[in-house]
Amino acid sequence: MSVARMIGAVGIACAIAFTATAASAHNLWVQGENKEVFEADLIYGHHFPTPEKIAEERLQLFEPVQISGEDLTETLTQQGENYHYEGTSKLSAGTYLVGAYYKLTPWVEASDGTWHMDKTRKDFKDTPRICYLSSMQSKAVVVVGNDDGSYATTPLGKGLEITPLNKASEFRQGEAIKFKLTRDGERVKMASIVGSFSGYSENEMSFPFYAKTNIDGVFEFKPLQAGTWYLSTSIESPSGNPDCETRIEKTSIVFSVK
């Protein structure tokens, strides 16, 4: 079996292993581009890297997109389509991190199979099938000019987060890159990581990359294709709340490979 086919097979197997809840739910990515002013798009859905309009009732679930750099911290303003955000000016040369956050939200699948946002078990007379507390976040690495990309290794320190241990200038096809998965700055070990790139497949459950974090929360990624990649993970754990028993956290990182 060729390396490409083997990786594809691993991706399919990994996809099947995902829980039905995580698989059917939306995912979150963010992308940014330096134009006349800096612009960013929330990608909330299933089709990376294509943004789609967010349902009006779900807009409340998102914090405004933020961007940070060595000498910059800015909250972007929503403009135009409800997934689109803009800054106040064009960015100068440097490396920046764009952050998107989906607030902790309870979801219930009722006994009839319908889903309800901002509800828990105590809101239903019949016993719901499942209740979970969901949160998501994404960050994108944006390099402007010939910066070496060292700021990409800076953790934001909030929630579940994937952080590169290599500078963005070292994100090259065929070369190994190390990343670390943390939750509020603490390592997350033995977590499954998947990855894909723009244009790989229309099947959201097919991934060309799979890895598992080691005891230090670190994993290695070797991109076999140049382009825009993302890496992501979904962590499920008991919430400790009998009214909504399961906690699901998702995170992703988006970056360019030369």
Foldseek 3Di string as FASTA:
>chain_A
DDLQVVLQVVLLVVLVPDDPVVNPAWAWEKDWDFDQWIKMFIATGQAPPDRDADPPVQLVQKDAKWKDFPPDTDGWDQDDGRRMTTDDGGDDFGKMKIKIKGHWWKWFQAPVRDIDTRAWQVVDPHGTPAMETEMEMEMEIDGDDPYQQPCQQPDPLAAWDKGWPHGQNPQAAQDKTKIAIDGSPAGDFFFKKFKDFPPPDPDSSGTSDIDGHHPRRMDMDHHNDWHKMKMKGKDKDFPPDPRHGIYIYMYMYIYGYD
